[in-house]
C-alpha atoms as a PDB file:
ATOM      1  CA  UNK A   1     -20.591 -39.494  39.122  1.00  0.00           C
ATOM      2  CA  UNK A   2     -22.785 -40.913  35.964  1.00  0.00           C
ATOM      3  CA  UNK A   3     -23.906 -37.475  34.912  1.00  0.00           C
ATOM      4  CA  UNK A   4     -20.724 -35.859  34.464  1.00  0.00           C
ATOM      5  CA  UNK A   5     -19.222 -39.073  32.770  1.00  0.00           C
ATOM      6  CA  UNK A   6     -22.223 -39.594  31.035  1.00  0.00           C
ATOM      7  CA  UNK A   7     -22.046 -36.291  29.531  1.00  0.00           C
ATOM      8  CA  UNK A   8     -18.526 -35.540  29.516  1.00  0.00           C
ATOM      9  CA  UNK A   9     -18.250 -37.046  25.185  1.00  0.00           C
ATOM     10  CA  UNK A  10     -21.299 -35.423  24.267  1.00  0.00           C
ATOM     11  CA  UNK A  11     -20.552 -31.534  25.314  1.00  0.00           C
ATOM     12  CA  UNK A  12     -16.417 -32.589  24.511  1.00  0.00           C
ATOM     13  CA  UNK A  13     -17.647 -33.030  20.885  1.00  0.00           C
ATOM     14  CA  UNK A  14     -19.885 -29.734  20.789  1.00  0.00           C
ATOM     15  CA  UNK A  15     -16.957 -27.901  21.905  1.00  0.00           C
ATOM     16  CA  UNK A  16     -13.887 -29.810  19.918  1.00  0.00           C
ATOM     17  CA  UNK A  17     -16.002 -30.898  16.772  1.00  0.00           C
ATOM     18  CA  UNK A  18     -18.933 -28.612  16.375  1.00  0.00           C
ATOM     19  CA  UNK A  19     -17.513 -25.437  17.703  1.00  0.00           C
ATOM     20  CA  UNK A  20     -20.578 -24.968  19.837  1.00  0.00           C
ATOM     21  CA  UNK A  21     -22.445 -25.102  16.414  1.00  0.00           C
ATOM     22  CA  UNK A  22     -21.088 -21.809  15.420  1.00  0.00           C
ATOM     23  CA  UNK A  23     -20.937 -21.404  12.058  1.00  0.00           C
ATOM     24  CA  UNK A  24     -23.117 -24.671  11.343  1.00  0.00           C
ATOM     25  CA  UNK A  25     -24.964 -24.209   8.043  1.00  0.00           C
ATOM     26  CA  UNK A  26     -28.679 -23.539   7.828  1.00  0.00           C
ATOM     27  CA  UNK A  27     -28.947 -26.854   6.419  1.00  0.00           C
ATOM     28  CA  UNK A  28     -27.208 -28.798   8.981  1.00  0.00           C
ATOM     29  CA  UNK A  29     -28.385 -26.827  12.086  1.00  0.00           C
ATOM     30  CA  UNK A  30     -31.737 -28.918  12.645  1.00  0.00           C
ATOM     31  CA  UNK A  31     -29.879 -32.006  12.423  1.00  0.00           C
ATOM     32  CA  UNK A  32     -27.436 -30.824  15.030  1.00  0.00           C
ATOM     33  CA  UNK A  33     -29.912 -29.608  17.357  1.00  0.00           C
ATOM     34  CA  UNK A  34     -31.573 -32.692  17.544  1.00  0.00           C
ATOM     35  CA  UNK A  35     -28.435 -34.658  17.828  1.00  0.00           C
ATOM     36  CA  UNK A  36     -27.710 -32.814  21.418  1.00  0.00           C
ATOM     37  CA  UNK A  37     -31.132 -32.482  22.526  1.00  0.00           C
ATOM     38  CA  UNK A  38     -31.440 -36.327  21.915  1.00  0.00           C
ATOM     39  CA  UNK A  39     -28.153 -36.917  23.718  1.00  0.00           C
ATOM     40  CA  UNK A  40     -28.659 -34.495  26.633  1.00  0.00           C
ATOM     41  CA  UNK A  41     -31.984 -35.781  27.156  1.00  0.00           C
ATOM     42  CA  UNK A  42     -30.660 -39.267  27.628  1.00  0.00           C
ATOM     43  CA  UNK A  43     -28.530 -37.743  30.556  1.00  0.00           C
ATOM     44  CA  UNK A  44     -31.651 -36.838  32.411  1.00  0.00           C
ATOM     45  CA  UNK A  45     -29.718 -34.953  35.566  1.00  0.00           C
ATOM     46  CA  UNK A  46     -33.207 -33.870  37.311  1.00  0.00           C
ATOM     47  CA  UNK A  47     -36.200 -35.621  39.008  1.00  0.00           C
ATOM     48  CA  UNK A  48     -38.161 -32.641  37.384  1.00  0.00           C
ATOM     49  CA  UNK A  49     -37.487 -30.047  34.886  1.00  0.00           C
ATOM     50  CA  UNK A  50     -35.290 -31.960  32.430  1.00  0.00           C
ATOM     51  CA  UNK A  51     -37.478 -31.190  29.299  1.00  0.00           C
ATOM     52  CA  UNK A  52     -37.874 -27.334  30.313  1.00  0.00           C
ATOM     53  CA  UNK A  53     -34.244 -26.952  31.093  1.00  0.00           C
ATOM     54  CA  UNK A  54     -33.113 -28.953  27.859  1.00  0.00           C
ATOM     55  CA  UNK A  55     -35.053 -26.792  25.628  1.00  0.00           C
ATOM     56  CA  UNK A  56     -33.707 -23.418  27.399  1.00  0.00           C
ATOM     57  CA  UNK A  57     -30.620 -24.939  26.919  1.00  0.00           C
ATOM     58  CA  UNK A  58     -30.864 -25.660  23.043  1.00  0.00           C
ATOM     59  CA  UNK A  59     -32.349 -22.485  22.799  1.00  0.00           C
ATOM     60  CA  UNK A  60     -29.135 -20.811  24.236  1.00  0.00           C
ATOM     61  CA  UNK A  61     -26.966 -22.845  22.035  1.00  0.00           C
ATOM     62  CA  UNK A  62     -28.846 -22.032  18.866  1.00  0.00           C
ATOM     63  CA  UNK A  63     -29.008 -18.463  19.523  1.00  0.00           C
ATOM     64  CA  UNK A  64     -25.031 -18.511  20.385  1.00  0.00           C
ATOM     65  CA  UNK A  65     -24.937 -20.241  16.898  1.00  0.00           C
ATOM     66  CA  UNK A  66     -26.889 -17.753  14.936  1.00  0.00           C
ATOM     67  CA  UNK A  67     -30.306 -19.263  15.077  1.00  0.00           C
ATOM     68  CA  UNK A  68     -33.836 -18.874  17.010  1.00  0.00           C
ATOM     69  CA  UNK A  69     -35.835 -21.694  18.179  1.00  0.00           C
ATOM     70  CA  UNK A  70     -39.337 -21.262  19.009  1.00  0.00           C
ATOM     71  CA  UNK A  71     -41.051 -24.368  21.025  1.00  0.00           C
ATOM     72  CA  UNK A  72     -44.224 -22.671  21.150  1.00  0.00           C
ATOM     73  CA  UNK A  73     -46.216 -24.723  18.502  1.00  0.00           C
ATOM     74  CA  UNK A  74     -44.280 -28.091  19.594  1.00  0.00           C
ATOM     75  CA  UNK A  75     -47.258 -30.342  21.355  1.00  0.00           C
ATOM     76  CA  UNK A  76     -46.200 -32.499  24.166  1.00  0.00           C
ATOM     77  CA  UNK A  77     -46.932 -35.329  22.169  1.00  0.00           C
ATOM     78  CA  UNK A  78     -44.831 -34.474  19.577  1.00  0.00           C
ATOM     79  CA  UNK A  79     -41.702 -33.864  21.754  1.00  0.00           C
ATOM     80  CA  UNK A  80     -42.489 -37.160  23.397  1.00  0.00           C
ATOM     81  CA  UNK A  81     -42.444 -39.449  20.249  1.00  0.00           C
ATOM     82  CA  UNK A  82     -39.182 -37.450  18.837  1.00  0.00           C
ATOM     83  CA  UNK A  83     -37.133 -37.733  21.975  1.00  0.00           C
ATOM     84  CA  UNK A  84     -38.413 -41.335  22.228  1.00  0.00           C
ATOM     85  CA  UNK A  85     -37.032 -41.958  18.750  1.00  0.00           C
ATOM     86  CA  UNK A  86     -33.832 -40.113  19.450  1.00  0.00           C
ATOM     87  CA  UNK A  87     -33.035 -42.093  22.415  1.00  0.00           C
ATOM     88  CA  UNK A  88     -33.003 -44.946  20.337  1.00  0.00           C
ATOM     89  CA  UNK A  89     -30.414 -42.506  18.052  1.00  0.00           C
ATOM     90  CA  UNK A  90     -33.134 -42.056  15.407  1.00  0.00           C
ATOM     91  CA  UNK A  91     -32.943 -38.397  15.152  1.00  0.00           C
ATOM     92  CA  UNK A  92     -35.536 -37.874  11.982  1.00  0.00           C
ATOM     93  CA  UNK A  93     -38.423 -36.769  14.205  1.00  0.00           C
ATOM     94  CA  UNK A  94     -36.534 -34.227  16.225  1.00  0.00           C
ATOM     95  CA  UNK A  95     -34.840 -32.993  12.764  1.00  0.00           C
ATOM     96  CA  UNK A  96     -38.076 -32.570  11.504  1.00  0.00           C
ATOM     97  CA  UNK A  97     -39.305 -30.644  14.600  1.00  0.00           C
ATOM     98  CA  UNK A  98     -36.371 -28.379  14.406  1.00  0.00           C
ATOM     99  CA  UNK A  99     -36.649 -27.875  10.612  1.00  0.00           C
ATOM    100  CA  UNK A 100     -39.869 -26.270  11.253  1.00  0.00           C
ATOM    101  CA  UNK A 101     -39.090 -24.221  14.205  1.00  0.00           C
ATOM    102  CA  UNK A 102     -35.775 -22.666  13.460  1.00  0.00           C
ATOM    103  CA  UNK A 103     -34.965 -19.618  12.226  1.00  0.00           C
ATOM    104  CA  UNK A 104     -31.699 -17.669  11.391  1.00  0.00           C
ATOM    105  CA  UNK A 105     -30.673 -14.424  13.387  1.00  0.00           C
ATOM    106  CA  UNK A 106     -28.729 -11.496  12.272  1.00  0.00           C
ATOM    107  CA  UNK A 107     -24.706 -11.550  12.841  1.00  0.00           C
ATOM    108  CA  UNK A 108     -25.540  -8.498  15.311  1.00  0.00           C
ATOM    109  CA  UNK A 109     -28.227 -10.504  17.253  1.00  0.00           C
ATOM    110  CA  UNK A 110     -25.790 -13.523  17.636  1.00  0.00           C
ATOM    111  CA  UNK A 111     -22.994 -11.352  18.965  1.00  0.00           C
ATOM    112  CA  UNK A 112     -25.142  -9.317  21.151  1.00  0.00           C
ATOM    113  CA  UNK A 113     -26.762 -12.490  22.620  1.00  0.00           C
ATOM    114  CA  UNK A 114     -23.270 -13.955  23.020  1.00  0.00           C
ATOM    115  CA  UNK A 115     -21.848 -10.946  24.721  1.00  0.00           C
ATOM    116  CA  UNK A 116     -24.733 -10.655  27.172  1.00  0.00           C
ATOM    117  CA  UNK A 117     -24.681 -13.715  28.311  1.00  0.00           C
ATOM    118  CA  UNK A 118     -21.011 -15.289  28.570  1.00  0.00           C
ATOM    119  CA  UNK A 119     -18.093 -14.139  30.447  1.00  0.00           C
ATOM    120  CA  UNK A 120     -15.051 -12.624  28.556  1.00  0.00           C
ATOM    121  CA  UNK A 121     -13.071 -15.980  28.803  1.00  0.00           C
ATOM    122  CA  UNK A 122     -16.044 -17.952  27.697  1.00  0.00           C
ATOM    123  CA  UNK A 123     -15.032 -20.808  25.366  1.00  0.00           C
ATOM    124  CA  UNK A 124     -18.434 -19.957  23.355  1.00  0.00           C
ATOM    125  CA  UNK A 125     -17.148 -16.291  22.755  1.00  0.00           C
ATOM    126  CA  UNK A 126     -13.844 -17.498  21.925  1.00  0.00           C
ATOM    127  CA  UNK A 127     -15.315 -19.737  19.146  1.00  0.00           C
ATOM    128  CA  UNK A 128     -17.345 -17.373  17.793  1.00  0.00           C
ATOM    129  CA  UNK A 129     -14.406 -14.858  17.155  1.00  0.00           C
ATOM    130  CA  UNK A 130     -12.249 -17.562  15.868  1.00  0.00           C
ATOM    131  CA  UNK A 131     -15.173 -18.686  13.403  1.00  0.00           C
ATOM    132  CA  UNK A 132     -15.780 -15.238  12.321  1.00  0.00           C
ATOM    133  CA  UNK A 133     -11.968 -14.550  11.340  1.00  0.00           C
ATOM    134  CA  UNK A 134     -11.811 -17.889   9.781  1.00  0.00           C
ATOM    135  CA  UNK A 135     -14.912 -17.038   7.830  1.00  0.00           C
ATOM    136  CA  UNK A 136     -14.408 -13.507   6.853  1.00  0.00           C
ATOM    137  CA  UNK A 137     -10.310 -13.300   6.603  1.00  0.00           C
ATOM    138  CA  UNK A 138      -9.798 -16.926   5.239  1.00  0.00           C
ATOM    139  CA  UNK A 139      -7.429 -17.498   8.174  1.00  0.00           C
ATOM    140  CA  UNK A 140      -6.831 -21.053   9.503  1.00  0.00           C
ATOM    141  CA  UNK A 141      -8.327 -22.314  12.765  1.00  0.00           C
ATOM    142  CA  UNK A 142      -4.703 -22.105  14.382  1.00  0.00           C
ATOM    143  CA  UNK A 143      -4.009 -18.561  12.855  1.00  0.00           C
ATOM    144  CA  UNK A 144      -7.280 -17.255  14.167  1.00  0.00           C
ATOM    145  CA  UNK A 145      -6.667 -18.666  17.557  1.00  0.00           C
ATOM    146  CA  UNK A 146      -3.215 -16.867  17.590  1.00  0.00           C
ATOM    147  CA  UNK A 147      -5.250 -13.516  16.341  1.00  0.00           C
ATOM    148  CA  UNK A 148      -7.636 -13.762  19.230  1.00  0.00           C
ATOM    149  CA  UNK A 149      -5.083 -14.903  22.138  1.00  0.00           C
END
């Protein structure tokens, strides 16, 4: 019960305010990924495998947003220290980590990834298409929504 109620505000913010990080600028993406990894870590839904699951989720989220995250060179001690600080809402170390391990991907890679992993009725796909219309055609969010549906 706590997992659902505890995670709802975080995932609602991800969807409603941050639009699954789609169209997030390269300058802001490390900060946003740090925030969401920190918040998801607090939820801690599993007895084992939380860190691995969280990293995969963040990699998928980043890829859907147009970025590649590579945790390969992040040490366990770096992750533990950054995560402990994020638990106290200090996301600076996690943000620094993401600045080092995050790189943009092409729009084609982003779109292919989204289409590969998501259903046609997925809110991420809808958000991706909506944000692309807003960016390319200068439409408002409401106008773009009408073009998609």
